[in-house]
Amino acid sequence: MDIVPGSSEGFCAGTANVWQVVGIVLLVFKIVIPILLIIWGMLDLGKAVIASKDDEIKKAVKSLAMRAVAAVVIFFIPTIVSVVMGMISNFSDSGAKDDWEVCRACISNPNDPECSRYAEDAW
């Protein structure tokens, strides 16, 4: 496997194409799941409003609020994990840190040219 000068030769660099696919899947989930949760909550609320039952409306509003919170949490989970892993990588040696940067680049931004370069080298 030809490694680009200045890149690390660790586990992440060797499996960059896998991390790139994981990053694409996470990006899709990060966008699609919150949208679906909010749409389902709005549909439930719409059904309750059409039924004109106060108890059902209160339950639907509470359900919509919980789904909106879940959508926000799901949207920010990759960012939170990236920040935590970035803090952890500050404690490791430089070789592991360089290798971690390959994984981080491919998971957080799979369309980044740096990640694409590592993915091509991994083939």
N, C-alpha and C. Protein backbone atom coordinates (compact mmCIF):
# COMPACT_ATOMS: atom_id res chain seq x y z
N MET A 1 0.85 -1.17 0.00
CA MET A 1 0.00 0.00 0.00
C MET A 1 0.89 1.22 0.00
N ASP A 2 0.72 2.11 -0.96
CA ASP A 2 1.48 3.35 -1.03
C ASP A 2 0.85 4.39 -0.12
N ILE A 3 1.64 4.93 0.78
CA ILE A 3 1.15 5.94 1.71
C ILE A 3 1.68 7.29 1.27
N VAL A 4 0.80 8.27 1.28
CA VAL A 4 1.19 9.63 0.90
C VAL A 4 2.16 10.16 1.94
N PRO A 5 3.25 10.82 1.51
CA PRO A 5 4.19 11.37 2.48
C PRO A 5 3.48 12.31 3.46
N GLY A 6 3.82 12.14 4.73
CA GLY A 6 3.21 12.98 5.75
C GLY A 6 1.97 12.34 6.37
N SER A 7 1.54 11.21 5.83
CA SER A 7 0.36 10.55 6.40
C SER A 7 0.82 9.49 7.38
N SER A 8 -0.10 9.07 8.22
CA SER A 8 0.24 8.02 9.17
C SER A 8 -0.02 6.67 8.52
N GLU A 9 0.59 5.64 9.05
CA GLU A 9 0.45 4.31 8.48
C GLU A 9 -0.25 3.38 9.44
N GLY A 10 -1.11 3.90 10.30
CA GLY A 10 -1.77 3.09 11.30
C GLY A 10 -3.07 2.47 10.83
N PHE A 11 -3.82 1.98 11.78
CA PHE A 11 -5.08 1.30 11.51
C PHE A 11 -6.06 2.20 10.76
N CYS A 12 -6.21 3.43 11.20
CA CYS A 12 -7.18 4.34 10.56
C CYS A 12 -6.79 4.66 9.12
N ALA A 13 -5.52 4.86 8.87
CA ALA A 13 -5.08 5.16 7.51
C ALA A 13 -5.28 3.95 6.60
N GLY A 14 -5.08 2.77 7.12
CA GLY A 14 -5.25 1.56 6.33
C GLY A 14 -6.70 1.21 6.05
N THR A 15 -7.61 1.70 6.89
CA THR A 15 -9.03 1.40 6.73
C THR A 15 -9.83 2.68 6.48
N ALA A 16 -9.23 3.66 5.87
CA ALA A 16 -9.89 4.95 5.66
C ALA A 16 -11.14 4.84 4.80
N ASN A 17 -11.15 3.91 3.84
CA ASN A 17 -12.34 3.77 3.01
C ASN A 17 -13.54 3.30 3.83
N VAL A 18 -13.31 2.45 4.82
CA VAL A 18 -14.39 2.01 5.72
C VAL A 18 -14.88 3.19 6.55
N TRP A 19 -13.96 3.99 7.07
CA TRP A 19 -14.35 5.15 7.89
C TRP A 19 -15.08 6.19 7.06
N GLN A 20 -14.74 6.27 5.79
CA GLN A 20 -15.43 7.20 4.90
C GLN A 20 -16.90 6.76 4.71
N VAL A 21 -17.12 5.47 4.54
CA VAL A 21 -18.49 4.95 4.41
C VAL A 21 -19.26 5.17 5.72
N VAL A 22 -18.60 4.92 6.86
CA VAL A 22 -19.23 5.16 8.16
C VAL A 22 -19.62 6.63 8.29
N GLY A 23 -18.75 7.52 7.84
CA GLY A 23 -19.04 8.94 7.89
C GLY A 23 -20.23 9.33 7.04
N ILE A 24 -20.35 8.72 5.86
CA ILE A 24 -21.49 9.01 4.98
C ILE A 24 -22.79 8.51 5.63
N VAL A 25 -22.75 7.31 6.20
CA VAL A 25 -23.93 6.77 6.87
C VAL A 25 -24.34 7.66 8.05
N LEU A 26 -23.37 8.08 8.84
CA LEU A 26 -23.68 8.96 9.97
C LEU A 26 -24.25 10.29 9.51
N LEU A 27 -23.74 10.81 8.43
CA LEU A 27 -24.25 12.07 7.89
C LEU A 27 -25.71 11.92 7.46
N VAL A 28 -26.03 10.82 6.80
CA VAL A 28 -27.41 10.58 6.39
C VAL A 28 -28.32 10.42 7.61
N PHE A 29 -27.88 9.60 8.58
CA PHE A 29 -28.68 9.40 9.79
C PHE A 29 -28.87 10.70 10.55
N LYS A 30 -27.82 11.49 10.60
CA LYS A 30 -27.86 12.76 11.34
C LYS A 30 -28.90 13.71 10.76
N ILE A 31 -29.20 13.59 9.49
CA ILE A 31 -30.17 14.46 8.85
C ILE A 31 -31.55 13.80 8.77
N VAL A 32 -31.61 12.54 8.36
CA VAL A 32 -32.89 11.88 8.10
C VAL A 32 -33.65 11.57 9.38
N ILE A 33 -33.00 11.03 10.39
CA ILE A 33 -33.71 10.63 11.61
C ILE A 33 -34.37 11.81 12.31
N PRO A 34 -33.71 12.95 12.52
CA PRO A 34 -34.43 14.07 13.14
C PRO A 34 -35.62 14.55 12.31
N ILE A 35 -35.48 14.58 11.00
CA ILE A 35 -36.60 15.00 10.15
C ILE A 35 -37.78 14.04 10.30
N LEU A 36 -37.51 12.74 10.29
CA LEU A 36 -38.58 11.76 10.46
C LEU A 36 -39.25 11.87 11.82
N LEU A 37 -38.46 12.07 12.89
CA LEU A 37 -39.04 12.21 14.22
C LEU A 37 -39.98 13.41 14.30
N ILE A 38 -39.57 14.51 13.72
CA ILE A 38 -40.42 15.71 13.76
C ILE A 38 -41.66 15.51 12.90
N ILE A 39 -41.53 14.89 11.74
CA ILE A 39 -42.70 14.64 10.88
C ILE A 39 -43.69 13.72 11.59
N TRP A 40 -43.21 12.63 12.22
CA TRP A 40 -44.11 11.73 12.94
C TRP A 40 -44.82 12.47 14.08
N GLY A 41 -44.08 13.31 14.80
CA GLY A 41 -44.70 14.08 15.87
C GLY A 41 -45.77 15.03 15.35
N MET A 42 -45.50 15.67 14.22
CA MET A 42 -46.49 16.58 13.63
C MET A 42 -47.72 15.81 13.15
N LEU A 43 -47.53 14.62 12.60
CA LEU A 43 -48.67 13.80 12.17
C LEU A 43 -49.53 13.39 13.36
N ASP A 44 -48.88 12.99 14.45
CA ASP A 44 -49.63 12.63 15.66
C ASP A 44 -50.41 13.82 16.19
N LEU A 45 -49.77 14.98 16.19
CA LEU A 45 -50.44 16.19 16.67
C LEU A 45 -51.61 16.55 15.74
N GLY A 46 -51.41 16.42 14.45
CA GLY A 46 -52.48 16.70 13.50
C GLY A 46 -53.67 15.78 13.70
N LYS A 47 -53.40 14.49 13.92
CA LYS A 47 -54.49 13.54 14.19
C LYS A 47 -55.25 13.91 15.45
N ALA A 48 -54.52 14.31 16.49
CA ALA A 48 -55.16 14.68 17.75
C ALA A 48 -56.00 15.94 17.60
N VAL A 49 -55.51 16.91 16.85
CA VAL A 49 -56.26 18.15 16.65
C VAL A 49 -57.52 17.88 15.84
N ILE A 50 -57.42 17.02 14.84
CA ILE A 50 -58.59 16.68 14.03
C ILE A 50 -59.62 15.94 14.88
N ALA A 51 -59.17 15.10 15.80
CA ALA A 51 -60.09 14.38 16.68
C ALA A 51 -60.73 15.30 17.71
N SER A 52 -60.14 16.45 17.97
CA SER A 52 -60.65 17.46 18.91
C SER A 52 -60.84 16.93 20.32
N LYS A 53 -59.93 16.08 20.74
CA LYS A 53 -59.97 15.57 22.12
C LYS A 53 -58.80 16.18 22.87
N ASP A 54 -59.11 16.89 23.96
CA ASP A 54 -58.08 17.60 24.72
C ASP A 54 -57.00 16.68 25.26
N ASP A 55 -57.39 15.52 25.75
CA ASP A 55 -56.39 14.58 26.30
C ASP A 55 -55.43 14.11 25.22
N GLU A 56 -55.95 13.81 24.06
CA GLU A 56 -55.09 13.36 22.96
C GLU A 56 -54.18 14.49 22.48
N ILE A 57 -54.70 15.72 22.47
CA ILE A 57 -53.88 16.87 22.05
C ILE A 57 -52.73 17.06 23.02
N LYS A 58 -53.00 16.97 24.33
CA LYS A 58 -51.93 17.13 25.33
C LYS A 58 -50.87 16.03 25.18
N LYS A 59 -51.33 14.80 24.96
CA LYS A 59 -50.38 13.70 24.77
C LYS A 59 -49.56 13.91 23.50
N ALA A 60 -50.21 14.39 22.43
CA ALA A 60 -49.52 14.60 21.17
C ALA A 60 -48.51 15.74 21.27
N VAL A 61 -48.86 16.81 22.00
CA VAL A 61 -47.93 17.93 22.18
C VAL A 61 -46.71 17.46 22.97
N LYS A 62 -46.97 16.68 24.03
CA LYS A 62 -45.86 16.15 24.83
C LYS A 62 -44.98 15.21 23.97
N SER A 63 -45.62 14.38 23.15
CA SER A 63 -44.88 13.48 22.27
C SER A 63 -44.06 14.26 21.25
N LEU A 64 -44.65 15.31 20.67
CA LEU A 64 -43.93 16.14 19.71
C LEU A 64 -42.72 16.80 20.37
N ALA A 65 -42.90 17.31 21.59
CA ALA A 65 -41.78 17.95 22.30
C ALA A 65 -40.66 16.94 22.57
N MET A 66 -41.02 15.75 23.00
CA MET A 66 -40.01 14.72 23.27
C MET A 66 -39.29 14.30 21.98
N ARG A 67 -40.03 14.20 20.90
CA ARG A 67 -39.40 13.84 19.63
C ARG A 67 -38.49 14.95 19.12
N ALA A 68 -38.89 16.19 19.35
CA ALA A 68 -38.04 17.32 18.94
C ALA A 68 -36.74 17.31 19.74
N VAL A 69 -36.82 17.05 21.03
CA VAL A 69 -35.61 16.97 21.86
C VAL A 69 -34.74 15.81 21.38
N ALA A 70 -35.36 14.67 21.10
CA ALA A 70 -34.60 13.51 20.61
C ALA A 70 -33.94 13.84 19.27
N ALA A 71 -34.63 14.57 18.42
CA ALA A 71 -34.07 14.95 17.12
C ALA A 71 -32.84 15.83 17.30
N VAL A 72 -32.91 16.78 18.22
CA VAL A 72 -31.76 17.67 18.46
C VAL A 72 -30.59 16.87 19.03
N VAL A 73 -30.87 15.97 19.96
CA VAL A 73 -29.81 15.15 20.55
C VAL A 73 -29.15 14.27 19.49
N ILE A 74 -29.97 13.63 18.65
CA ILE A 74 -29.42 12.78 17.59
C ILE A 74 -28.58 13.60 16.62
N PHE A 75 -29.02 14.82 16.32
CA PHE A 75 -28.27 15.67 15.40
C PHE A 75 -26.90 16.02 15.96
N PHE A 76 -26.82 16.24 17.29
CA PHE A 76 -25.55 16.69 17.88
C PHE A 76 -24.68 15.56 18.43
N ILE A 77 -25.14 14.32 18.44
CA ILE A 77 -24.33 13.21 18.96
C ILE A 77 -22.99 13.09 18.23
N PRO A 78 -22.93 13.13 16.90
CA PRO A 78 -21.62 13.03 16.25
C PRO A 78 -20.66 14.17 16.64
N THR A 79 -21.20 15.36 16.83
CA THR A 79 -20.36 16.49 17.24
C THR A 79 -19.83 16.28 18.65
N ILE A 80 -20.69 15.83 19.55
CA ILE A 80 -20.28 15.58 20.93
C ILE A 80 -19.22 14.49 20.98
N VAL A 81 -19.43 13.41 20.25
CA VAL A 81 -18.45 12.31 20.22
C VAL A 81 -17.13 12.80 19.65
N SER A 82 -17.18 13.62 18.62
CA SER A 82 -15.95 14.16 18.01
C SER A 82 -15.18 15.03 19.00
N VAL A 83 -15.89 15.85 19.76
CA VAL A 83 -15.23 16.71 20.75
C VAL A 83 -14.58 15.86 21.84
N VAL A 84 -15.32 14.87 22.34
CA VAL A 84 -14.77 14.00 23.40
C VAL A 84 -13.56 13.22 22.89
N MET A 85 -13.67 12.66 21.69
CA MET A 85 -12.54 11.91 21.14
C MET A 85 -11.36 12.84 20.84
N GLY A 86 -11.62 14.07 20.45
CA GLY A 86 -10.54 15.04 20.26
C GLY A 86 -9.81 15.33 21.55
N MET A 87 -10.56 15.42 22.65
CA MET A 87 -9.93 15.65 23.95
C MET A 87 -9.11 14.44 24.37
N ILE A 88 -9.61 13.26 24.09
CA ILE A 88 -8.88 12.03 24.43
C ILE A 88 -7.61 11.93 23.60
N SER A 89 -7.69 12.31 22.33
CA SER A 89 -6.51 12.17 21.47
C SER A 89 -5.39 13.11 21.88
N ASN A 90 -5.70 14.16 22.62
CA ASN A 90 -4.66 15.07 23.10
C ASN A 90 -3.75 14.40 24.12
N PHE A 91 -4.19 13.30 24.73
CA PHE A 91 -3.40 12.63 25.74
C PHE A 91 -2.51 11.52 25.20
N SER A 92 -2.67 11.17 23.93
CA SER A 92 -1.92 10.05 23.38
C SER A 92 -0.65 10.53 22.68
N ASP A 93 0.18 9.58 22.28
CA ASP A 93 1.43 9.91 21.60
C ASP A 93 1.14 10.44 20.19
N SER A 94 2.15 11.00 19.56
CA SER A 94 1.95 11.67 18.27
C SER A 94 1.56 10.68 17.16
N GLY A 95 2.07 9.46 17.17
CA GLY A 95 1.72 8.49 16.14
C GLY A 95 0.25 8.12 16.19
N ALA A 96 -0.23 7.86 17.39
CA ALA A 96 -1.65 7.54 17.55
C ALA A 96 -2.51 8.75 17.24
N LYS A 97 -2.02 9.93 17.57
CA LYS A 97 -2.78 11.15 17.30
C LYS A 97 -2.90 11.38 15.80
N ASP A 98 -1.82 11.17 15.05
CA ASP A 98 -1.87 11.31 13.60
C ASP A 98 -2.84 10.30 12.99
N ASP A 99 -2.80 9.08 13.50
CA ASP A 99 -3.70 8.05 12.99
C ASP A 99 -5.15 8.40 13.33
N TRP A 100 -5.38 8.91 14.53
CA TRP A 100 -6.73 9.31 14.92
C TRP A 100 -7.25 10.43 14.02
N GLU A 101 -6.40 11.32 13.60
CA GLU A 101 -6.83 12.42 12.74
C GLU A 101 -7.39 11.90 11.41
N VAL A 102 -6.86 10.78 10.93
CA VAL A 102 -7.39 10.17 9.71
C VAL A 102 -8.81 9.70 9.95
N CYS A 103 -9.04 8.98 11.06
CA CYS A 103 -10.40 8.51 11.39
C CYS A 103 -11.34 9.68 11.59
N ARG A 104 -10.89 10.69 12.32
CA ARG A 104 -11.73 11.85 12.60
C ARG A 104 -12.10 12.57 11.32
N ALA A 105 -11.16 12.73 10.42
CA ALA A 105 -11.43 13.43 9.16
C ALA A 105 -12.45 12.67 8.32
N CYS A 106 -12.33 11.36 8.28
CA CYS A 106 -13.24 10.56 7.45
C CYS A 106 -14.63 10.42 8.06
N ILE A 107 -14.72 10.36 9.37
CA ILE A 107 -16.02 10.22 10.01
C ILE A 107 -16.75 11.55 10.05
N SER A 108 -16.05 12.62 10.38
CA SER A 108 -16.72 13.91 10.53
C SER A 108 -17.01 14.59 9.20
N ASN A 109 -16.18 14.38 8.19
CA ASN A 109 -16.40 15.00 6.89
C ASN A 109 -15.93 14.03 5.80
N PRO A 110 -16.82 13.06 5.43
CA PRO A 110 -16.39 12.02 4.49
C PRO A 110 -16.08 12.52 3.09
N ASN A 111 -16.52 13.72 2.73
CA ASN A 111 -16.25 14.27 1.41
C ASN A 111 -15.02 15.15 1.37
N ASP A 112 -14.32 15.24 2.49
CA ASP A 112 -13.11 16.05 2.58
C ASP A 112 -12.03 15.46 1.68
N PRO A 113 -11.30 16.31 0.94
CA PRO A 113 -10.23 15.79 0.07
C PRO A 113 -9.17 14.99 0.83
N GLU A 114 -8.90 15.38 2.07
CA GLU A 114 -7.91 14.65 2.88
C GLU A 114 -8.38 13.21 3.12
N CYS A 115 -9.65 13.07 3.45
CA CYS A 115 -10.20 11.73 3.67
C CYS A 115 -10.19 10.93 2.37
N SER A 116 -10.55 11.56 1.28
CA SER A 116 -10.55 10.88 -0.02
C SER A 116 -9.15 10.40 -0.38
N ARG A 117 -8.15 11.20 -0.05
CA ARG A 117 -6.77 10.80 -0.34
C ARG A 117 -6.40 9.55 0.46
N TYR A 118 -6.76 9.53 1.74
CA TYR A 118 -6.45 8.35 2.56
C TYR A 118 -7.23 7.14 2.07
N ALA A 119 -8.50 7.34 1.68
CA ALA A 119 -9.32 6.22 1.20
C ALA A 119 -8.75 5.63 -0.08
N GLU A 120 -8.27 6.48 -0.98
CA GLU A 120 -7.66 5.98 -2.21
C GLU A 120 -6.38 5.21 -1.92
N ASP A 121 -5.61 5.68 -0.94
CA ASP A 121 -4.38 4.97 -0.56
C ASP A 121 -4.67 3.64 0.11
N ALA A 122 -5.82 3.53 0.78
CA ALA A 122 -6.17 2.29 1.46
C ALA A 122 -6.53 1.19 0.46
N TRP A 123 -6.97 1.54 -0.73
CA TRP A 123 -7.30 0.53 -1.74
C TRP A 123 -6.03 -0.04 -2.23
